[in-house]
Amino acid sequence: MRQSMLNTEARLTRLVELAEAAAERQAAIQKAAEEQQRRLMFLDIHVSRMEHQAVLSLPRYASPLRLERFGRQYFSQNDEDGVLAEIFRRIGMTSKVFVEIAAGDGKQNCTILLLRQGWRGLWVECDASNLDSIRSAWPEDIAKGRLKLVGDFITRENLNSVIASGDFDDGIDLLVMDIDGNDYHMLNVMTARPRVICVEYYGREAPPSRWVMPYEVEPAMTWARPTGASLQSYEELLTAKGYSLVGTNIAGMNAFFVRSDLVEGKFEAPFTAYNHFNPPRYWYPTLNFLSAWNGPPDGKPPKE
């Protein structure tokens, strides 16, 4: 009996040792897998950097009047910060007032950098958690009136009154429309005349496609379907309203329009969707533009 118990104890001890060894091997395998995943991530970034530079080296992007090379990301989702900075470097600023429709949580959008640089403006956002985040992140600017916040769901019926509630008597320099849905229909009814408009376009519909998402009173926001409108549709709509398409970002996500009386000699003509269309390269934003090379082709700063 005693020998049997000793044999059982020895077997149990051996099983414990085997289990511990198996756990150690599993931990080593997991660590190796994580290291391999990390290396693959950096390889992905490296390959994307090479591809990004290769795209920007194409003759199409060589003109110093184009905007793709100036893209930089600070607080914007993609590289809008740099593109917008270059646009205003060329046309100047007047009111230093912005309006952003669907401003998000106040930690990432197209106008945070401008707010930090002394601009003032209006953020419109309907999500309660995002509104709380904005109030938490920007209490002083809201208290001083530099940042006005409207918590409304934007429709064709209230868009103009919401923008007018900002009381920007000296005009609006920049309007950003990024509601992932009815953007086209909002711009169609908008009466304000900002000097610059930034709007997201649906890049899978290349020129000459005239595609517009049907208007929805309460659109179900989802990335599982196309939203907004094609670049061709935005070009035709905003050209009729007195704007010129001056560029899109390299990721093929956002289009930039400038009031037509301000563009002569400052941007790449013709101001058409054919000339300025960029196909969707959605993997660029996921890398936070670590692959971006931002500068003129000759390596010299732009002339004032």
Protein backbone atom coordinates (compact mmCIF):
# COMPACT_ATOMS: atom_id res chain seq x y z
CA MET A 1 0.00 0.00 0.00
CA ARG A 2 2.76 2.41 0.99
CA GLN A 3 4.63 1.70 -2.25
CA SER A 4 1.47 2.31 -4.24
CA MET A 5 0.98 5.67 -2.56
CA LEU A 6 4.59 6.59 -3.27
CA ASN A 7 4.16 5.64 -6.91
CA THR A 8 0.97 7.72 -7.14
CA GLU A 9 2.69 10.72 -5.53
CA ALA A 10 5.61 10.39 -7.93
CA ARG A 11 3.23 10.28 -10.87
CA LEU A 12 1.38 13.34 -9.62
CA THR A 13 4.65 15.19 -9.13
CA ARG A 14 5.68 14.24 -12.65
CA LEU A 15 2.33 15.41 -14.03
CA VAL A 16 2.77 18.74 -12.27
CA GLU A 17 6.27 19.08 -13.71
CA LEU A 18 4.98 18.25 -17.18
CA ALA A 19 2.14 20.77 -16.81
CA GLU A 20 4.55 23.48 -15.68
CA ALA A 21 6.88 22.70 -18.56
CA ALA A 22 3.95 22.83 -20.98
CA ALA A 23 2.88 26.19 -19.54
CA GLU A 24 6.40 27.53 -19.94
CA ARG A 25 6.52 26.33 -23.54
CA GLN A 26 3.11 27.89 -24.21
CA ALA A 27 4.27 31.19 -22.67
CA ALA A 28 7.40 31.10 -24.82
CA ILE A 29 5.32 30.39 -27.94
CA GLN A 30 2.95 33.26 -27.05
CA LYS A 31 5.87 35.63 -26.50
CA ALA A 32 7.43 34.61 -29.81
CA ALA A 33 4.08 35.10 -31.58
CA GLU A 34 3.67 38.57 -30.08
CA GLU A 35 7.20 39.50 -31.10
CA GLN A 36 6.55 38.24 -34.61
CA GLN A 37 3.31 40.23 -34.74
CA ARG A 38 5.19 43.35 -33.63
CA ARG A 39 7.82 42.82 -36.32
CA LEU A 40 5.12 42.31 -38.94
CA MET A 41 3.46 45.56 -37.84
CA PHE A 42 6.71 47.48 -38.34
CA LEU A 43 7.23 45.73 -41.67
CA ASP A 44 3.72 46.78 -42.69
CA ILE A 45 4.53 50.37 -41.76
CA HIS A 46 7.81 50.20 -43.68
CA VAL A 47 6.13 48.81 -46.82
CA SER A 48 3.36 51.40 -46.57
CA ARG A 49 5.97 54.16 -46.19
CA MET A 50 7.67 52.98 -49.37
CA GLU A 51 4.36 52.76 -51.21
CA HIS A 52 3.30 56.20 -49.99
CA GLN A 53 6.55 57.76 -51.16
CA ALA A 54 6.28 55.92 -54.46
CA VAL A 55 2.77 57.29 -55.02
CA LEU A 56 3.82 60.84 -54.20
CA SER A 57 6.79 60.54 -56.59
CA LEU A 58 4.47 60.03 -59.57
CA PRO A 59 4.52 62.91 -62.10
CA ARG A 60 0.87 63.58 -61.35
CA TYR A 61 1.76 64.92 -57.91
CA ALA A 62 4.85 66.93 -58.90
CA SER A 63 3.17 70.29 -59.39
CA PRO A 64 3.81 72.63 -56.43
CA LEU A 65 0.22 73.83 -56.80
CA ARG A 66 -1.19 70.43 -55.80
CA LEU A 67 -2.01 69.74 -52.16
CA GLU A 68 -1.26 66.07 -51.57
CA ARG A 69 2.36 66.59 -50.47
CA PHE A 70 1.37 69.02 -47.74
CA GLY A 71 -0.73 66.56 -45.78
CA ARG A 72 0.13 66.28 -42.09
CA GLN A 73 -1.71 64.81 -39.15
CA TYR A 74 -1.74 66.49 -35.76
CA PHE A 75 -5.30 66.24 -34.47
CA SER A 76 -7.19 65.36 -37.67
CA GLN A 77 -8.22 61.80 -38.44
CA ASN A 78 -6.13 61.79 -41.59
CA ASP A 79 -3.80 64.46 -43.01
CA GLU A 80 -6.32 67.30 -43.19
CA ASP A 81 -4.37 69.46 -40.73
CA GLY A 82 -1.50 69.94 -43.14
CA VAL A 83 -3.64 70.40 -46.23
CA LEU A 84 -5.83 73.02 -44.56
CA ALA A 85 -2.76 74.87 -43.26
CA GLU A 86 -1.39 75.05 -46.80
CA ILE A 87 -4.71 76.25 -48.23
CA PHE A 88 -4.86 79.13 -45.76
CA ARG A 89 -1.19 79.91 -46.30
CA ARG A 90 -2.10 80.53 -49.93
CA ILE A 91 -5.38 82.41 -49.59
CA GLY A 92 -4.85 84.01 -46.19
CA MET A 93 -7.25 84.18 -43.27
CA THR A 94 -9.92 86.76 -42.49
CA SER A 95 -12.20 85.94 -39.56
CA LYS A 96 -10.28 82.89 -38.27
CA VAL A 97 -13.66 81.28 -37.65
CA PHE A 98 -14.44 77.61 -38.18
CA VAL A 99 -17.58 75.48 -38.12
CA GLU A 100 -17.31 71.70 -37.87
CA ILE A 101 -20.43 69.61 -38.28
CA ALA A 102 -19.97 66.29 -36.43
CA ALA A 103 -17.00 67.35 -34.32
CA GLY A 104 -16.57 64.01 -32.56
CA ASP A 105 -15.18 63.81 -29.04
CA GLY A 106 -13.03 66.94 -29.22
CA LYS A 107 -9.82 64.93 -29.26
CA GLN A 108 -9.60 64.28 -33.00
CA ASN A 109 -11.09 66.45 -35.74
CA CYS A 110 -10.12 68.94 -38.43
CA THR A 111 -10.34 72.13 -36.36
CA ILE A 112 -8.63 71.33 -33.03
CA LEU A 113 -5.30 72.57 -34.37
CA LEU A 114 -6.94 75.81 -35.48
CA LEU A 115 -8.54 76.26 -32.06
CA ARG A 116 -5.14 75.80 -30.44
CA GLN A 117 -3.73 78.40 -32.85
CA GLY A 118 -6.15 81.09 -31.72
CA TRP A 119 -9.12 80.53 -34.03
CA ARG A 120 -12.66 80.46 -32.68
CA GLY A 121 -15.68 78.61 -33.87
CA LEU A 122 -18.62 76.27 -33.57
CA TRP A 123 -18.67 72.53 -33.03
CA VAL A 124 -21.88 70.63 -33.72
CA GLU A 125 -22.22 67.14 -32.27
CA CYS A 126 -25.26 65.03 -31.38
CA ASP A 127 -23.66 62.16 -29.45
CA ALA A 128 -24.06 62.65 -25.68
CA SER A 129 -20.78 60.97 -24.74
CA ASN A 130 -18.88 63.06 -27.29
CA LEU A 131 -20.48 66.23 -25.93
CA ASP A 132 -19.36 65.31 -22.42
CA SER A 133 -15.84 64.64 -23.73
CA ILE A 134 -15.72 68.05 -25.44
CA ARG A 135 -16.89 69.87 -22.33
CA SER A 136 -14.26 68.05 -20.29
CA ALA A 137 -11.45 68.72 -22.78
CA TRP A 138 -12.20 72.38 -23.59
CA PRO A 139 -13.85 74.02 -20.53
CA GLU A 140 -11.91 77.30 -20.70
CA ASP A 141 -12.49 77.86 -24.42
CA ILE A 142 -16.19 77.17 -24.00
CA ALA A 143 -16.39 79.46 -20.95
CA LYS A 144 -14.65 82.29 -22.80
CA GLY A 145 -16.87 81.89 -25.86
CA ARG A 146 -14.01 80.95 -28.18
CA LEU A 147 -15.67 77.58 -28.73
CA LYS A 148 -19.42 77.32 -29.09
CA LEU A 149 -21.00 73.89 -28.77
CA VAL A 150 -24.35 72.80 -30.18
CA GLY A 151 -25.73 69.38 -29.32
CA ASP A 152 -28.24 68.98 -32.15
CA PHE A 153 -28.86 66.30 -34.73
CA ILE A 154 -28.40 68.10 -38.04
CA THR A 155 -31.09 67.96 -40.70
CA ARG A 156 -31.87 69.93 -43.85
CA GLU A 157 -34.39 71.90 -41.82
CA ASN A 158 -32.13 73.07 -38.99
CA LEU A 159 -28.67 73.25 -40.60
CA ASN A 160 -28.76 76.93 -41.47
CA SER A 161 -30.22 78.03 -38.14
CA VAL A 162 -27.59 76.02 -36.26
CA ILE A 163 -24.76 77.63 -38.24
CA ALA A 164 -26.35 81.07 -37.78
CA SER A 165 -26.47 80.47 -34.01
CA GLY A 166 -22.72 80.99 -33.96
CA ASP A 167 -23.31 84.71 -34.64
CA PHE A 168 -20.21 84.95 -36.80
CA ASP A 169 -20.94 88.33 -38.33
CA ASP A 170 -17.45 88.58 -39.85
CA GLY A 171 -17.88 85.39 -41.85
CA ILE A 172 -16.60 81.84 -41.73
CA ASP A 173 -13.15 80.88 -42.99
CA LEU A 174 -13.63 77.11 -42.81
CA LEU A 175 -16.58 74.73 -42.71
CA VAL A 176 -16.00 70.99 -42.20
CA MET A 177 -18.85 68.61 -43.05
CA ASP A 178 -18.30 65.04 -41.90
CA ILE A 179 -21.58 63.47 -40.81
CA ASP A 180 -21.05 60.19 -42.71
CA GLY A 181 -24.37 60.30 -44.47
CA ASN A 182 -26.41 63.30 -45.57
CA ASP A 183 -23.40 65.55 -46.22
CA TYR A 184 -24.31 66.26 -49.86
CA HIS A 185 -27.87 67.24 -48.97
CA MET A 186 -26.64 69.54 -46.19
CA LEU A 187 -24.27 71.38 -48.52
CA ASN A 188 -27.07 71.62 -51.06
CA VAL A 189 -29.29 73.62 -48.70
CA MET A 190 -26.54 75.53 -46.87
CA THR A 191 -26.81 79.31 -47.23
CA ALA A 192 -23.58 80.23 -45.44
CA ARG A 193 -20.61 81.16 -47.63
CA PRO A 194 -17.45 79.87 -45.92
CA ARG A 195 -14.23 80.58 -47.79
CA VAL A 196 -13.14 76.93 -47.56
CA ILE A 197 -15.16 73.71 -47.35
CA CYS A 198 -13.79 70.31 -46.37
CA VAL A 199 -16.08 67.35 -47.00
CA GLU A 200 -15.59 63.58 -47.03
CA TYR A 201 -16.34 61.91 -50.37
CA TYR A 202 -17.06 58.30 -51.27
CA GLY A 203 -13.90 57.28 -53.10
CA ARG A 204 -15.16 53.98 -54.48
CA GLU A 205 -17.25 55.96 -56.96
CA ALA A 206 -14.63 57.45 -59.28
CA PRO A 207 -15.32 60.15 -61.89
CA PRO A 208 -17.50 60.42 -63.88
CA SER A 209 -19.81 58.64 -61.43
CA ARG A 210 -22.56 60.90 -60.12
CA TRP A 211 -23.59 59.02 -57.02
CA VAL A 212 -25.42 60.52 -54.04
CA MET A 213 -26.74 58.71 -51.00
CA PRO A 214 -30.52 59.22 -50.72
CA TYR A 215 -31.50 61.61 -47.98
CA GLU A 216 -32.48 59.91 -44.73
CA VAL A 217 -34.26 61.68 -41.88
CA GLU A 218 -32.60 59.37 -39.33
CA PRO A 219 -29.77 57.63 -41.17
CA ALA A 220 -28.36 54.48 -39.62
CA MET A 221 -24.66 55.28 -39.39
CA THR A 222 -22.65 52.26 -40.46
CA TRP A 223 -19.47 51.58 -42.42
CA ALA A 224 -21.14 48.55 -43.99
CA ARG A 225 -22.58 50.68 -46.81
CA PRO A 226 -21.51 53.68 -48.89
CA THR A 227 -22.41 57.10 -47.53
CA GLY A 228 -22.19 60.70 -48.68
CA ALA A 229 -21.56 61.28 -52.37
CA SER A 230 -18.99 60.83 -55.11
CA LEU A 231 -16.38 63.47 -55.82
CA GLN A 232 -17.98 64.18 -59.20
CA SER A 233 -21.29 64.95 -57.50
CA TYR A 234 -19.65 67.28 -54.99
CA GLU A 235 -17.72 69.04 -57.74
CA GLU A 236 -20.85 69.77 -59.72
CA LEU A 237 -22.88 70.82 -56.68
CA LEU A 238 -20.28 73.18 -55.23
CA THR A 239 -19.13 74.58 -58.58
CA ALA A 240 -22.70 75.75 -59.08
CA LYS A 241 -22.49 77.41 -55.67
CA GLY A 242 -19.33 79.34 -56.58
CA TYR A 243 -16.61 77.00 -55.30
CA SER A 244 -13.65 75.29 -56.96
CA LEU A 245 -12.33 71.83 -56.15
CA VAL A 246 -8.68 72.51 -55.30
CA GLY A 247 -7.64 69.05 -54.14
CA THR A 248 -8.17 65.87 -52.18
CA ASN A 249 -5.96 64.11 -49.67
CA ILE A 250 -3.72 61.24 -50.75
CA ALA A 251 -5.83 58.69 -48.83
CA GLY A 252 -8.82 59.47 -51.05
CA MET A 253 -11.14 60.47 -48.23
CA ASN A 254 -11.58 64.25 -48.07
CA ALA A 255 -12.10 66.92 -50.69
CA PHE A 256 -11.23 70.61 -50.34
CA PHE A 257 -13.18 73.41 -52.00
CA VAL A 258 -12.24 77.10 -52.04
CA ARG A 259 -14.45 79.98 -53.05
CA SER A 260 -13.77 80.50 -56.74
CA ASP A 261 -12.86 84.17 -56.42
CA LEU A 262 -9.87 83.15 -54.26
CA VAL A 263 -8.22 80.40 -56.31
CA GLU A 264 -6.65 82.05 -59.35
CA GLY A 265 -2.98 81.11 -59.68
CA LYS A 266 -2.90 79.48 -56.24
CA PHE A 267 -4.03 75.92 -56.94
CA GLU A 268 -3.73 73.24 -59.60
CA ALA A 269 -6.18 73.70 -62.48
CA PRO A 270 -8.45 72.36 -63.84
CA PHE A 271 -10.59 72.24 -60.73
CA THR A 272 -12.31 69.03 -61.67
CA ALA A 273 -12.93 65.65 -60.11
CA TYR A 274 -10.91 64.07 -62.94
CA ASN A 275 -7.86 66.12 -62.04
CA HIS A 276 -8.04 65.93 -58.26
CA PHE A 277 -9.55 62.51 -57.59
CA ASN A 278 -7.56 60.19 -55.36
CA PRO A 279 -8.76 56.60 -55.01
CA PRO A 280 -9.41 55.23 -51.53
CA ARG A 281 -6.19 54.27 -49.79
CA TYR A 282 -7.77 53.65 -46.43
CA TRP A 283 -4.72 51.90 -44.99
CA TYR A 284 -2.89 55.23 -44.80
CA PRO A 285 -5.03 56.60 -41.94
CA THR A 286 -4.65 53.36 -39.97
CA LEU A 287 -0.90 54.02 -39.89
CA ASN A 288 -1.46 57.59 -38.66
CA PHE A 289 0.53 58.80 -41.64
CA LEU A 290 3.81 57.52 -40.27
CA SER A 291 4.61 56.86 -43.92
CA ALA A 292 4.03 60.42 -45.07
CA TRP A 293 6.71 62.47 -46.74
CA ASN A 294 5.52 66.05 -46.64
CA GLY A 295 7.27 68.64 -48.70
CA PRO A 296 7.76 70.07 -52.17
CA PRO A 297 9.52 67.85 -54.74
CA ASP A 298 12.68 70.02 -54.74
CA GLY A 299 13.01 69.90 -50.95
CA LYS A 300 12.77 73.70 -50.69
CA PRO A 301 10.18 75.61 -48.64
CA PRO A 302 7.29 77.07 -50.62
CA LYS A 303 7.59 80.67 -51.77
CA GLU A 304 5.53 83.22 -49.93
